C-alpha cells in the first residue's frame, strides 16, 4: 500500500556526483519532515545514480529519464510529485535546514500567493562562501521584476504550490509527457518559466527575508554555460514577446543587461576576467542604467574582473583569496 502523500515534493535532477550527497542530505535533513525527494537521472549519470540509491531513505524516489536534459528531468519529476507544494533543487546546491519550513508557513498564511522565494549565499566549488549573495526582492514581485531577475532567482531558491505548475502544464505535439519547463531551450529555462507563470496565471509571487540556499558556482563549466545562455536569449525573448510584447519592449534591454552582468559575475570563479569584462561592456552598452542599478554589484563585479585581468597573479590572489582557490581547482 502506498504511503500517504507528503506535504512537499522536492525534485532534483541527478548531476555531478561530487556534490550530490551534500544536496540530498540538505533535503532529507530539513526541519519540515513531510516531504518526498524525487531524483531524476539518465544513463549518463551512472555513478551519481548509484550514489543517490546509497543515500536514499524511505522518502526518496529515483526515476529514470530516457532522454537527457535538465528541463526534461524537472518535467518528469514535477509530473510525479504528490505533494501540495513543489520545490526544485539543483544537485550542486545546498539548502539551509529551515528552508522548507519557512516557505510552507509563508504560503499557508498567504493563500493568493503561489510562489515563495528567498535569497542565497554563493559558494565556490569546495562549498566555501565567496562573500557574495544573491539578493532578491522581498515582498510581492511584479512580472517585470521576475523577467529582469530581481525576484525568484534560480530553481533552488523558489518554492511553489503544485497548482501553479498545473496552471502552466502543456503537452507539445507528438510528446508523450506533460511539460512545465520548455525542453527546446538550450538555457534560461527558469527565466522563461518564471515569467510565463507571472504573465499567464493569477498566482502571486512573494519573496521572504533570509538567505535559505547555498548556490554553488562551478568555474570549470562557465564558458560553456555562457555560450548556451546567450544562444537561448533570443528564443526566450521571442516566446515572451508573443505573450506580452509591451513587457519585452519596455524591459528587454534591462533584463538582457542584468543577465550579462550575472554571467560576468560567474566568470570570476573561473578566472575568466577578460570574458567577464567583455560581458560587462556589452551589458552597459545595452542598458547604461545598470551602472546605477545595484551599483555595489556592478562595481564589485567590475573590480574583480579587472583584478583578474590587470594585476599580477600574486597580488590578485592576495587581494582576492578566492582567486587562488579557483585557480587551484582548475589546474
Protein backbone atom coordinates (compact mmCIF):
# COMPACT_ATOMS: atom_id res chain seq x y z
CA UNK A 1 0.00 0.00 0.00
CA UNK A 2 1.39 3.39 -0.99
CA UNK A 3 2.06 5.75 1.96
CA UNK A 4 0.05 8.97 2.32
CA UNK A 5 1.08 11.86 0.12
CA UNK A 6 3.66 14.20 1.65
CA UNK A 7 3.08 17.92 2.00
CA UNK A 8 6.15 18.85 -0.08
CA UNK A 9 7.62 17.17 -3.16
CA UNK A 10 11.24 18.04 -3.88
CA UNK A 11 12.51 17.45 -7.43
CA UNK A 12 16.25 17.09 -8.05
CA UNK A 13 17.80 16.28 -11.44
CA UNK A 14 20.74 13.93 -10.89
CA UNK A 15 24.01 15.67 -11.75
CA UNK A 16 27.63 15.96 -10.67
CA UNK A 17 28.44 13.12 -8.26
CA UNK A 18 30.93 15.30 -6.35
CA UNK A 19 28.15 17.43 -4.91
CA UNK A 20 25.03 15.31 -4.98
CA UNK A 21 25.49 13.96 -1.45
CA UNK A 22 25.50 17.48 0.01
CA UNK A 23 22.35 18.38 -1.91
CA UNK A 24 20.47 15.22 -0.91
CA UNK A 25 21.45 15.46 2.73
CA UNK A 26 20.34 19.08 2.89
CA UNK A 27 16.90 17.98 1.67
CA UNK A 28 16.50 14.88 3.80
CA UNK A 29 17.61 16.71 6.96
CA UNK A 30 15.07 19.54 6.62
CA UNK A 31 13.26 20.51 9.83
CA UNK A 32 10.00 20.13 7.88
CA UNK A 33 9.82 16.37 7.53
CA UNK A 34 6.68 15.70 5.48
CA UNK A 35 8.46 15.51 2.15
CA UNK A 36 9.43 13.25 -0.70
CA UNK A 37 12.63 13.60 -2.71
CA UNK A 38 12.26 12.74 -6.39
CA UNK A 39 15.64 12.24 -8.08
CA UNK A 40 15.57 12.06 -11.88
CA UNK A 41 18.53 10.96 -13.99
CA UNK A 42 19.59 9.34 -17.25
CA UNK A 43 22.16 6.76 -18.33
CA UNK A 44 24.91 9.40 -18.47
CA UNK A 45 24.90 9.73 -14.68
CA UNK A 46 25.62 6.14 -13.68
CA UNK A 47 27.87 6.91 -10.70
CA UNK A 48 25.63 9.72 -9.48
CA UNK A 49 22.62 7.43 -9.89
CA UNK A 50 24.29 4.81 -7.69
CA UNK A 51 25.15 7.46 -5.09
CA UNK A 52 21.51 8.53 -4.93
CA UNK A 53 20.50 4.94 -4.29
CA UNK A 54 23.05 4.64 -1.49
CA UNK A 55 21.88 7.85 0.22
CA UNK A 56 18.14 7.31 -0.26
CA UNK A 57 15.73 6.75 2.60
CA UNK A 58 12.04 5.77 2.55
CA UNK A 59 11.09 9.26 1.34
CA UNK A 60 13.28 9.06 -1.77
CA UNK A 61 12.13 8.02 -5.25
CA UNK A 62 14.65 7.61 -8.06
CA UNK A 63 13.28 7.90 -11.59
CA UNK A 64 14.94 7.18 -14.92
CA UNK A 65 14.59 9.59 -17.85
CA UNK A 66 15.04 8.01 -21.28
CA UNK A 67 16.20 11.26 -22.91
CA UNK A 68 18.85 13.52 -21.30
CA UNK A 69 18.16 17.14 -20.46
CA UNK A 70 17.72 19.31 -17.39
CA UNK A 71 14.28 20.59 -18.37
CA UNK A 72 13.12 17.04 -19.16
CA UNK A 73 14.29 15.82 -15.74
CA UNK A 74 12.40 18.61 -13.97
CA UNK A 75 9.28 17.95 -16.02
CA UNK A 76 9.33 14.24 -15.20
CA UNK A 77 9.85 14.96 -11.52
CA UNK A 78 7.09 17.56 -11.27
CA UNK A 79 4.65 15.26 -13.05
CA UNK A 80 5.40 12.55 -10.47
CA UNK A 81 5.10 14.89 -7.47
CA UNK A 82 2.34 14.06 -4.98
CA UNK A 83 2.67 16.98 -2.57
CA UNK A 84 0.57 20.12 -2.31
CA UNK A 85 3.82 22.07 -2.68
CA UNK A 86 6.73 21.53 -5.07
CA UNK A 87 10.33 22.61 -4.53
CA UNK A 88 13.19 22.26 -7.01
CA UNK A 89 16.86 21.92 -6.16
CA UNK A 90 19.91 21.61 -8.38
CA UNK A 91 22.24 18.78 -7.37
CA UNK A 92 25.11 21.25 -6.85
CA UNK A 93 23.25 23.42 -4.33
CA UNK A 94 22.54 23.15 -0.59
CA UNK A 95 19.50 24.19 1.44
CA UNK A 96 19.59 25.62 4.93
CA UNK A 97 17.78 23.32 7.43
CA UNK A 98 14.67 25.51 7.85
CA UNK A 99 14.13 26.45 4.20
CA UNK A 100 11.07 24.29 3.55
CA UNK A 101 9.51 25.22 6.89
CA UNK A 102 9.83 28.93 6.09
CA UNK A 103 8.21 28.60 2.66
CA UNK A 104 5.40 26.31 3.81
CA UNK A 105 4.48 28.71 6.62
CA UNK A 106 4.60 31.64 4.19
CA UNK A 107 2.31 30.10 1.59
CA UNK A 108 -0.10 28.69 4.16
CA UNK A 109 -0.59 32.21 5.50
CA UNK A 110 -0.86 33.84 2.06
CA UNK A 111 -3.45 31.97 0.03
CA UNK A 112 -3.42 34.21 -3.10
CA UNK A 113 0.34 33.71 -3.33
CA UNK A 114 1.51 30.70 -5.30
CA UNK A 115 5.29 31.16 -5.25
CA UNK A 116 7.60 31.88 -2.33
CA UNK A 117 11.32 32.52 -2.68
CA UNK A 118 14.32 33.72 -0.68
CA UNK A 119 17.87 34.87 -1.35
CA UNK A 120 21.02 32.78 -1.42
CA UNK A 121 24.63 32.69 -0.33
CA UNK A 122 27.09 31.98 -3.14
CA UNK A 123 29.68 29.27 -2.52
CA UNK A 124 32.64 28.01 -4.53
CA UNK A 125 33.35 24.51 -5.80
CA UNK A 126 34.60 23.47 -2.35
CA UNK A 127 31.49 24.76 -0.59
CA UNK A 128 33.25 27.81 0.88
CA UNK A 129 31.29 31.06 0.98
CA UNK A 130 32.58 33.56 -1.56
CA UNK A 131 31.29 36.57 0.36
CA UNK A 132 28.73 37.23 -2.39
CA UNK A 133 24.97 36.97 -2.08
CA UNK A 134 22.07 36.61 -4.46
CA UNK A 135 19.85 39.46 -3.34
CA UNK A 136 16.22 39.09 -4.35
CA UNK A 137 13.28 41.40 -3.77
CA UNK A 138 11.39 40.85 -0.51
CA UNK A 139 7.61 41.16 -0.79
CA UNK A 140 5.33 40.99 -3.84
CA UNK A 141 7.09 40.73 -7.20
CA UNK A 142 5.63 42.10 -10.41
CA UNK A 143 6.08 40.42 -13.81
CA UNK A 144 8.80 42.81 -15.00
CA UNK A 145 10.80 42.19 -11.79
CA UNK A 146 10.61 38.45 -12.42
CA UNK A 147 11.64 38.96 -16.05
CA UNK A 148 14.61 41.13 -15.04
CA UNK A 149 15.86 38.60 -12.49
CA UNK A 150 15.13 40.75 -9.44
CA UNK A 151 12.80 38.11 -8.00
CA UNK A 152 12.59 34.31 -7.68
CA UNK A 153 16.18 33.58 -8.69
CA UNK A 154 17.20 30.01 -9.55
CA UNK A 155 15.28 26.76 -9.22
CA UNK A 156 16.90 26.10 -5.85
CA UNK A 157 15.64 29.36 -4.33
CA UNK A 158 11.96 29.13 -5.33
CA UNK A 159 9.04 27.18 -3.81
CA UNK A 160 5.64 26.55 -5.44
CA UNK A 161 2.10 25.43 -4.85
CA UNK A 162 1.52 22.40 -7.03
CA UNK A 163 -1.43 24.22 -8.59
CA UNK A 164 0.96 26.76 -10.11
CA UNK A 165 2.55 24.07 -12.27
CA UNK A 166 -0.86 22.60 -13.07
CA UNK A 167 -1.84 26.03 -14.43
CA UNK A 168 1.02 26.16 -16.95
CA UNK A 169 1.15 22.48 -17.96
CA UNK A 170 1.11 21.76 -21.68
CA UNK A 171 1.78 18.80 -23.95
CA UNK A 172 3.86 19.55 -27.07
CA UNK A 173 2.79 17.98 -30.32
CA UNK A 174 3.86 14.32 -30.55
CA UNK A 175 5.18 14.41 -26.94
CA UNK A 176 4.47 11.52 -24.58
CA UNK A 177 4.67 13.62 -21.41
CA UNK A 178 3.48 16.89 -19.89
CA UNK A 179 5.83 19.87 -19.90
CA UNK A 180 6.20 22.78 -17.50
CA UNK A 181 9.71 23.87 -18.49
CA UNK A 182 10.41 24.36 -22.20
CA UNK A 183 12.61 21.46 -23.30
CA UNK A 184 13.57 23.14 -26.57
CA UNK A 185 15.63 25.88 -24.87
CA UNK A 186 19.40 25.47 -24.52
CA UNK A 187 19.40 27.59 -21.36
CA UNK A 188 17.49 30.21 -19.36
CA UNK A 189 14.52 27.88 -18.98
CA UNK A 190 13.98 29.24 -15.46
CA UNK A 191 13.60 32.86 -16.62
CA UNK A 192 11.20 31.77 -19.34
CA UNK A 193 9.14 29.58 -17.00
CA UNK A 194 9.00 32.09 -14.12
CA UNK A 195 7.97 34.94 -16.43
CA UNK A 196 5.39 32.77 -18.19
CA UNK A 197 3.85 31.95 -14.81
CA UNK A 198 3.65 35.63 -13.87
CA UNK A 199 2.10 36.58 -17.23
CA UNK A 200 -0.39 33.75 -17.73
CA UNK A 201 -1.65 32.84 -14.24
CA UNK A 202 -3.31 34.70 -11.36
CA UNK A 203 -0.88 33.30 -8.77
CA UNK A 204 1.11 35.88 -6.85
CA UNK A 205 4.84 35.69 -6.19
CA UNK A 206 6.48 36.94 -2.98
CA UNK A 207 9.97 36.97 -1.52
CA UNK A 208 10.69 36.37 2.15
CA UNK A 209 13.71 37.57 4.16
CA UNK A 210 16.75 35.39 4.68
CA UNK A 211 19.40 33.50 2.74
CA UNK A 212 17.97 29.98 2.66
CA UNK A 213 20.04 28.40 -0.12
CA UNK A 214 23.74 27.99 -0.81
CA UNK A 215 24.21 28.19 -4.58
CA UNK A 216 27.42 26.73 -5.95
CA UNK A 217 29.31 28.37 -8.81
CA UNK A 218 31.26 25.88 -10.91
CA UNK A 219 34.15 27.61 -12.64
CA UNK A 220 35.04 24.69 -14.89
CA UNK A 221 31.84 24.92 -16.94
CA UNK A 222 31.26 28.67 -17.01
CA UNK A 223 32.37 29.31 -20.61
CA UNK A 224 30.07 26.61 -21.98
CA UNK A 225 27.15 27.79 -19.84
CA UNK A 226 27.58 31.37 -21.02
CA UNK A 227 27.56 30.33 -24.68
CA UNK A 228 24.39 28.29 -24.19
CA UNK A 229 22.57 31.03 -22.30
CA UNK A 230 23.48 33.71 -24.82
CA UNK A 231 22.21 31.43 -27.56
CA UNK A 232 18.97 30.84 -25.64
CA UNK A 233 18.24 34.53 -25.00
CA UNK A 234 16.76 35.18 -28.44
CA UNK A 235 14.43 32.20 -28.18
CA UNK A 236 13.27 33.27 -24.71
CA UNK A 237 12.58 36.82 -25.90
CA UNK A 238 10.59 35.54 -28.89
CA UNK A 239 8.41 33.37 -26.64
CA UNK A 240 7.76 36.09 -24.08
CA UNK A 241 7.11 38.75 -26.74
CA UNK A 242 4.34 36.56 -28.10
CA UNK A 243 2.75 36.58 -24.64
CA UNK A 244 3.32 40.21 -23.67
CA UNK A 245 5.07 42.37 -26.29
CA UNK A 246 4.91 45.50 -24.11
CA UNK A 247 6.89 43.79 -21.35
CA UNK A 248 9.71 42.84 -23.70
CA UNK A 249 9.71 46.23 -25.44
CA UNK A 250 9.94 48.14 -22.17
CA UNK A 251 12.18 45.90 -20.08
CA UNK A 252 14.02 43.69 -22.59
CA UNK A 253 17.25 45.70 -22.61
CA UNK A 254 17.37 45.88 -18.81
CA UNK A 255 16.67 42.16 -18.48
CA UNK A 256 19.39 41.32 -21.02
CA UNK A 257 21.89 43.64 -19.32
CA UNK A 258 21.22 42.12 -15.91
CA UNK A 259 21.70 38.66 -17.41
CA UNK A 260 25.03 39.71 -18.94
CA UNK A 261 26.17 41.11 -15.59
CA UNK A 262 25.20 37.85 -13.88
CA UNK A 263 27.20 35.92 -16.48
CA UNK A 264 30.16 38.24 -15.89
CA UNK A 265 29.94 37.50 -12.17
CA UNK A 266 30.13 33.79 -12.94
CA UNK A 267 33.39 34.40 -14.82
CA UNK A 268 35.15 35.34 -11.57
CA UNK A 269 35.50 31.86 -10.01
CA UNK A 270 36.51 30.59 -13.45
CA UNK A 271 39.33 33.19 -13.55
CA UNK A 272 37.96 34.44 -16.88
CA UNK A 273 38.48 38.15 -16.24
CA UNK A 274 38.64 39.24 -19.89
CA UNK A 275 35.43 37.43 -20.75
CA UNK A 276 33.78 38.99 -17.70
CA UNK A 277 34.82 42.49 -18.78
CA UNK A 278 33.52 41.89 -22.30
CA UNK A 279 30.16 40.83 -20.87
CA UNK A 280 30.03 43.88 -18.59
CA UNK A 281 30.84 46.17 -21.50
CA UNK A 282 28.01 44.62 -23.51
CA UNK A 283 25.65 44.97 -20.55
CA UNK A 284 26.38 48.67 -20.03
CA UNK A 285 26.14 49.37 -23.75
CA UNK A 286 22.71 47.78 -23.86
CA UNK A 287 21.42 49.40 -20.65
CA UNK A 288 23.61 52.17 -19.18
CA UNK A 289 21.23 52.43 -16.22
CA UNK A 290 22.78 49.22 -14.93
CA UNK A 291 25.63 51.33 -13.57
CA UNK A 292 23.21 52.92 -11.11
CA UNK A 293 21.00 49.87 -10.58
CA UNK A 294 22.51 47.92 -7.67
CA UNK A 295 25.72 49.89 -8.12
CA UNK A 296 27.51 47.83 -5.46
CA UNK A 297 27.03 44.66 -7.51
CA UNK A 298 28.17 46.29 -10.74
CA UNK A 299 31.27 47.83 -9.16
CA UNK A 300 32.22 44.64 -7.29
CA UNK A 301 31.94 42.51 -10.42
CA UNK A 302 33.91 45.02 -12.49
CA UNK A 303 36.64 45.30 -9.86
CA UNK A 304 37.09 41.55 -9.61
CA UNK A 305 37.26 41.11 -13.39
CA UNK A 306 39.77 43.96 -13.66
CA UNK A 307 41.90 42.42 -10.91
CA UNK A 308 41.98 39.10 -12.72
CA UNK A 309 42.99 40.82 -15.94
CA UNK A 310 45.33 43.64 -14.94
CA UNK A 311 47.01 42.75 -11.64
CA UNK A 312 49.96 40.38 -11.24
CA UNK A 313 48.74 36.95 -10.20
CA UNK A 314 50.34 37.07 -6.74
CA UNK A 315 48.75 40.43 -5.95
CA UNK A 316 45.29 39.47 -7.21
CA UNK A 317 45.44 36.27 -5.14
CA UNK A 318 46.40 38.34 -2.08
CA UNK A 319 43.58 40.84 -2.56
CA UNK A 320 41.02 38.21 -3.58
CA UNK A 321 41.84 34.89 -1.83
CA UNK A 322 39.07 33.11 -3.71
CA UNK A 323 41.05 33.60 -6.96
CA UNK A 324 43.82 31.34 -5.66
CA UNK A 325 41.48 28.50 -4.74
CA UNK A 326 39.67 28.86 -8.07
CA UNK A 327 42.94 28.57 -9.99
CA UNK A 328 43.94 25.52 -7.96
CA UNK A 329 40.58 23.88 -8.67
CA UNK A 330 41.03 24.40 -12.40
CA UNK A 331 44.62 23.13 -12.53
